Amino acid sequence: MGQRSLILVGLSLAACGGAPTTTTTTAPTSAMPLPQRVVADFEAAVKSSKDAYVGLFDFVAVGEMEILLHRYDLNGRLVNLDATQKAQFAAEDGTPYPAERERRNVGNFYTFLAQRTVGTGGCTASEPRTHYGKLLGKSYEPLPEGTPPGYEILRTHANEWIAKGGVVAIRCTGGKGSLALVYTAKDNARGYDLLTIYDD
């Protein structure tokens, strides 16, 4: 995730959107639609421990998503990149970030993003507020000619994951702000993994 995630903290303050439709997460998670289950589990994990929160993510997928998103940001999705960030993203060749790097970065967001948002709880699932947050759940269009070839497999994976999942925003009466959680259905005990997380 890294530097780009911090950019979105500022981006979310400038973005605007309509009032989202919210759904409370009061039923047992096994009976919920997947977006509501993602939010309910995220709330419970954040209130439980940092390890429980970190355990919601597939960090191999996170490393792929972050490199892919850098390329779309460079191509204009994120409009406030500075010269250093543009140079960094342009130098990338589609090699995913290592899973352990992403585990550390996601862990670093526990206090100032996850705990800030969840607070004491009362969380709801809704659509992302920002335009950027909404785009996180959309399919990834072909990249322009001249893009390093390593990005195509990342784009293929991302579209497969999004087709089986999407993005949901979490807002909590006991916390502050909101987050966009990108998820995909998986054949595991909870039925999904988180792919990335951004301030919304």
Protein backbone atom coordinates (compact mmCIF):
# COMPACT_ATOMS: atom_id res chain seq x y z
CA MET A 1 0.00 0.00 0.00
CA GLY A 2 2.61 2.53 1.05
CA GLN A 3 2.82 6.17 0.11
CA ARG A 4 -0.21 6.17 -2.16
CA SER A 5 -2.56 5.30 0.67
CA LEU A 6 -1.45 8.38 2.57
CA ILE A 7 -2.27 10.50 -0.48
CA LEU A 8 -5.86 9.34 -0.27
CA VAL A 9 -6.19 10.64 3.29
CA GLY A 10 -5.88 14.12 1.82
CA LEU A 11 -7.85 13.21 -1.27
CA SER A 12 -10.85 12.14 0.76
CA LEU A 13 -11.06 15.57 2.39
CA ALA A 14 -11.38 17.24 -0.99
CA ALA A 15 -13.71 14.72 -2.65
CA CYS A 16 -17.45 15.06 -2.48
CA GLY A 17 -20.40 12.79 -3.07
CA GLY A 18 -24.07 12.23 -2.39
CA ALA A 19 -25.51 10.83 0.81
CA PRO A 20 -24.89 7.05 0.74
CA THR A 21 -27.45 4.41 1.58
CA THR A 22 -26.35 2.58 4.72
CA THR A 23 -27.09 -0.87 6.08
CA THR A 24 -26.58 -1.74 9.72
CA THR A 25 -24.61 -4.87 10.63
CA THR A 26 -26.68 -6.36 13.44
CA ALA A 27 -27.47 -9.85 12.09
CA PRO A 28 -25.11 -12.86 12.46
CA THR A 29 -22.42 -12.46 9.81
CA SER A 30 -23.14 -15.87 8.23
CA ALA A 31 -26.66 -14.65 7.34
CA MET A 32 -25.52 -11.40 5.76
CA PRO A 33 -24.82 -10.49 2.15
CA LEU A 34 -21.08 -10.36 1.55
CA PRO A 35 -20.62 -6.55 1.73
CA GLN A 36 -22.36 -6.39 5.11
CA ARG A 37 -20.37 -9.39 6.33
CA VAL A 38 -17.12 -7.68 5.34
CA VAL A 39 -18.07 -4.62 7.40
CA ALA A 40 -19.26 -6.61 10.41
CA ASP A 41 -16.09 -8.72 10.43
CA PHE A 42 -13.90 -5.64 10.00
CA GLU A 43 -15.56 -3.95 12.97
CA ALA A 44 -15.15 -7.06 15.14
CA ALA A 45 -11.53 -7.59 14.09
CA VAL A 46 -10.48 -3.99 14.68
CA LYS A 47 -12.10 -3.98 18.12
CA SER A 48 -10.41 -7.29 18.92
CA SER A 49 -6.74 -6.79 18.01
CA LYS A 50 -4.26 -5.66 15.40
CA ASP A 51 -3.53 -9.29 14.53
CA ALA A 52 -7.22 -10.01 13.91
CA TYR A 53 -7.45 -6.96 11.63
CA VAL A 54 -4.31 -7.91 9.69
CA GLY A 55 -5.66 -11.44 9.30
CA LEU A 56 -8.48 -10.21 7.04
CA PHE A 57 -6.13 -9.46 4.11
CA ASP A 58 -4.55 -11.49 1.31
CA PHE A 59 -1.18 -9.73 1.15
CA VAL A 60 -0.07 -11.29 -2.13
CA ALA A 61 -3.19 -9.74 -3.68
CA VAL A 62 -2.60 -6.45 -1.86
CA GLY A 63 0.88 -6.23 -3.41
CA GLU A 64 -0.56 -6.79 -6.88
CA MET A 65 -3.39 -4.30 -6.42
CA GLU A 66 -1.14 -1.53 -5.19
CA ILE A 67 1.26 -1.72 -8.11
CA LEU A 68 -1.64 -1.88 -10.56
CA LEU A 69 -3.34 1.12 -8.95
CA HIS A 70 -0.11 3.12 -9.18
CA ARG A 71 -0.22 2.75 -12.96
CA TYR A 72 -3.84 3.90 -13.18
CA ASP A 73 -3.02 6.79 -10.85
CA LEU A 74 -0.11 7.76 -13.10
CA ASN A 75 -2.47 7.67 -16.08
CA GLY A 76 -4.76 10.23 -14.48
CA ARG A 77 -6.98 8.49 -11.95
CA LEU A 78 -5.27 10.36 -9.11
CA VAL A 79 -4.85 13.98 -10.12
CA ASN A 80 -2.67 15.38 -7.32
CA LEU A 81 0.48 13.29 -7.71
CA ASP A 82 3.65 15.29 -7.20
CA ALA A 83 6.75 14.99 -9.38
CA THR A 84 8.43 12.47 -7.05
CA GLN A 85 5.40 10.21 -7.01
CA LYS A 86 5.02 10.41 -10.79
CA ALA A 87 8.66 9.45 -11.24
CA GLN A 88 8.30 6.54 -8.81
CA PHE A 89 5.17 5.17 -10.47
CA ALA A 90 6.59 5.63 -13.98
CA ALA A 91 9.69 3.62 -13.02
CA GLU A 92 7.63 0.63 -11.86
CA ASP A 93 7.40 -2.30 -14.27
CA GLY A 94 4.44 -4.21 -12.87
CA THR A 95 6.40 -6.27 -10.33
CA PRO A 96 4.09 -6.62 -7.30
CA TYR A 97 5.14 -5.40 -3.88
CA PRO A 98 6.23 -8.26 -1.59
CA ALA A 99 3.56 -9.62 0.73
CA GLU A 100 5.60 -8.90 3.85
CA ARG A 101 5.94 -5.23 2.88
CA GLU A 102 2.19 -4.98 2.50
CA ARG A 103 1.61 -6.76 5.82
CA ARG A 104 3.72 -4.12 7.56
CA ASN A 105 1.97 -1.26 5.80
CA VAL A 106 -1.53 -2.56 6.50
CA GLY A 107 -0.51 -3.06 10.11
CA ASN A 108 0.70 0.52 10.27
CA PHE A 109 -2.79 1.70 9.28
CA TYR A 110 -4.39 -0.04 12.25
CA THR A 111 -4.32 2.92 14.62
CA PHE A 112 -4.78 5.98 12.43
CA LEU A 113 -7.20 4.51 9.87
CA ALA A 114 -8.86 1.34 11.20
CA GLN A 115 -9.25 2.22 14.89
CA ARG A 116 -10.07 5.83 14.05
CA THR A 117 -12.92 4.71 11.80
CA VAL A 118 -14.35 1.91 13.95
CA GLY A 119 -13.89 3.55 17.36
CA THR A 120 -16.39 1.97 19.74
CA GLY A 121 -18.42 0.43 16.91
CA GLY A 122 -21.90 0.95 15.52
CA CYS A 123 -20.65 0.35 11.97
CA THR A 124 -22.70 0.36 8.77
CA ALA A 125 -22.04 -0.75 5.21
CA SER A 126 -22.65 1.71 2.38
CA GLU A 127 -21.37 2.87 -0.98
CA PRO A 128 -18.06 4.74 -0.98
CA ARG A 129 -18.43 8.50 -0.69
CA THR A 130 -15.63 9.61 -3.02
CA HIS A 131 -15.30 9.16 -6.75
CA TYR A 132 -11.96 7.46 -6.19
CA GLY A 133 -13.48 5.07 -3.67
CA LYS A 134 -16.23 4.10 -6.12
CA LEU A 135 -13.66 3.40 -8.85
CA LEU A 136 -11.95 0.84 -6.62
CA GLY A 137 -14.89 -1.50 -7.25
CA LYS A 138 -15.01 -1.02 -11.03
CA SER A 139 -13.35 -3.20 -13.66
CA TYR A 140 -9.91 -2.13 -14.87
CA GLU A 141 -9.88 -1.05 -18.51
CA PRO A 142 -6.98 -1.98 -20.80
CA LEU A 143 -3.86 0.07 -20.24
CA PRO A 144 -2.41 2.18 -23.07
CA GLU A 145 0.08 0.88 -25.59
CA GLY A 146 3.62 1.07 -24.25
CA THR A 147 2.68 0.01 -20.71
CA PRO A 148 5.18 -2.57 -19.39
CA PRO A 149 3.76 -6.06 -20.07
CA GLY A 150 3.87 -7.09 -16.41
CA TYR A 151 0.71 -5.10 -15.69
CA GLU A 152 -1.58 -7.22 -17.85
CA ILE A 153 -1.60 -10.22 -15.51
CA LEU A 154 -2.24 -7.86 -12.58
CA ARG A 155 -5.16 -6.33 -14.45
CA THR A 156 -6.53 -9.79 -15.22
CA HIS A 157 -6.31 -10.84 -11.57
CA ALA A 158 -7.87 -7.60 -10.34
CA ASN A 159 -10.83 -7.96 -12.70
CA GLU A 160 -11.35 -11.56 -11.63
CA TRP A 161 -11.31 -10.53 -7.97
CA ILE A 162 -13.63 -7.57 -8.46
CA ALA A 163 -16.07 -9.75 -10.44
CA LYS A 164 -16.41 -11.92 -7.33
CA GLY A 165 -16.47 -9.03 -4.86
CA GLY A 166 -16.32 -5.25 -5.00
CA VAL A 167 -15.89 -2.29 -2.69
CA VAL A 168 -17.87 -1.33 0.39
CA ALA A 169 -17.51 1.69 2.66
CA ILE A 170 -17.55 1.34 6.43
CA ARG A 171 -18.79 4.16 8.67
CA CYS A 172 -19.29 3.86 12.43
CA THR A 173 -21.24 5.96 14.91
CA GLY A 174 -18.51 5.31 17.46
CA GLY A 175 -15.66 6.40 15.19
CA LYS A 176 -14.63 9.09 12.73
CA GLY A 177 -14.39 9.16 8.95
CA SER A 178 -14.89 6.20 6.65
CA LEU A 179 -12.90 3.60 4.76
CA ALA A 180 -13.30 1.88 1.41
CA LEU A 181 -12.70 -1.87 1.74
CA VAL A 182 -12.00 -3.81 -1.46
CA TYR A 183 -12.82 -7.51 -1.14
CA THR A 184 -13.27 -10.69 -3.14
CA ALA A 185 -15.07 -13.94 -2.41
CA LYS A 186 -12.70 -16.78 -1.51
CA ASP A 187 -13.03 -20.44 -0.65
CA ASN A 188 -11.88 -19.99 2.92
CA ALA A 189 -13.45 -20.08 6.38
CA ARG A 190 -14.86 -16.55 6.26
CA GLY A 191 -15.74 -16.64 2.56
CA TYR A 192 -13.64 -13.66 1.37
CA ASP A 193 -10.35 -11.75 1.67
CA LEU A 194 -9.67 -8.05 1.73
CA LEU A 195 -7.56 -6.82 -1.18
CA THR A 196 -6.85 -3.26 -0.08
CA ILE A 197 -8.12 -0.44 2.13
CA TYR A 198 -8.32 3.32 1.54
CA ASP A 199 -9.53 6.38 3.34
CA ASP A 200 -12.88 7.41 1.90
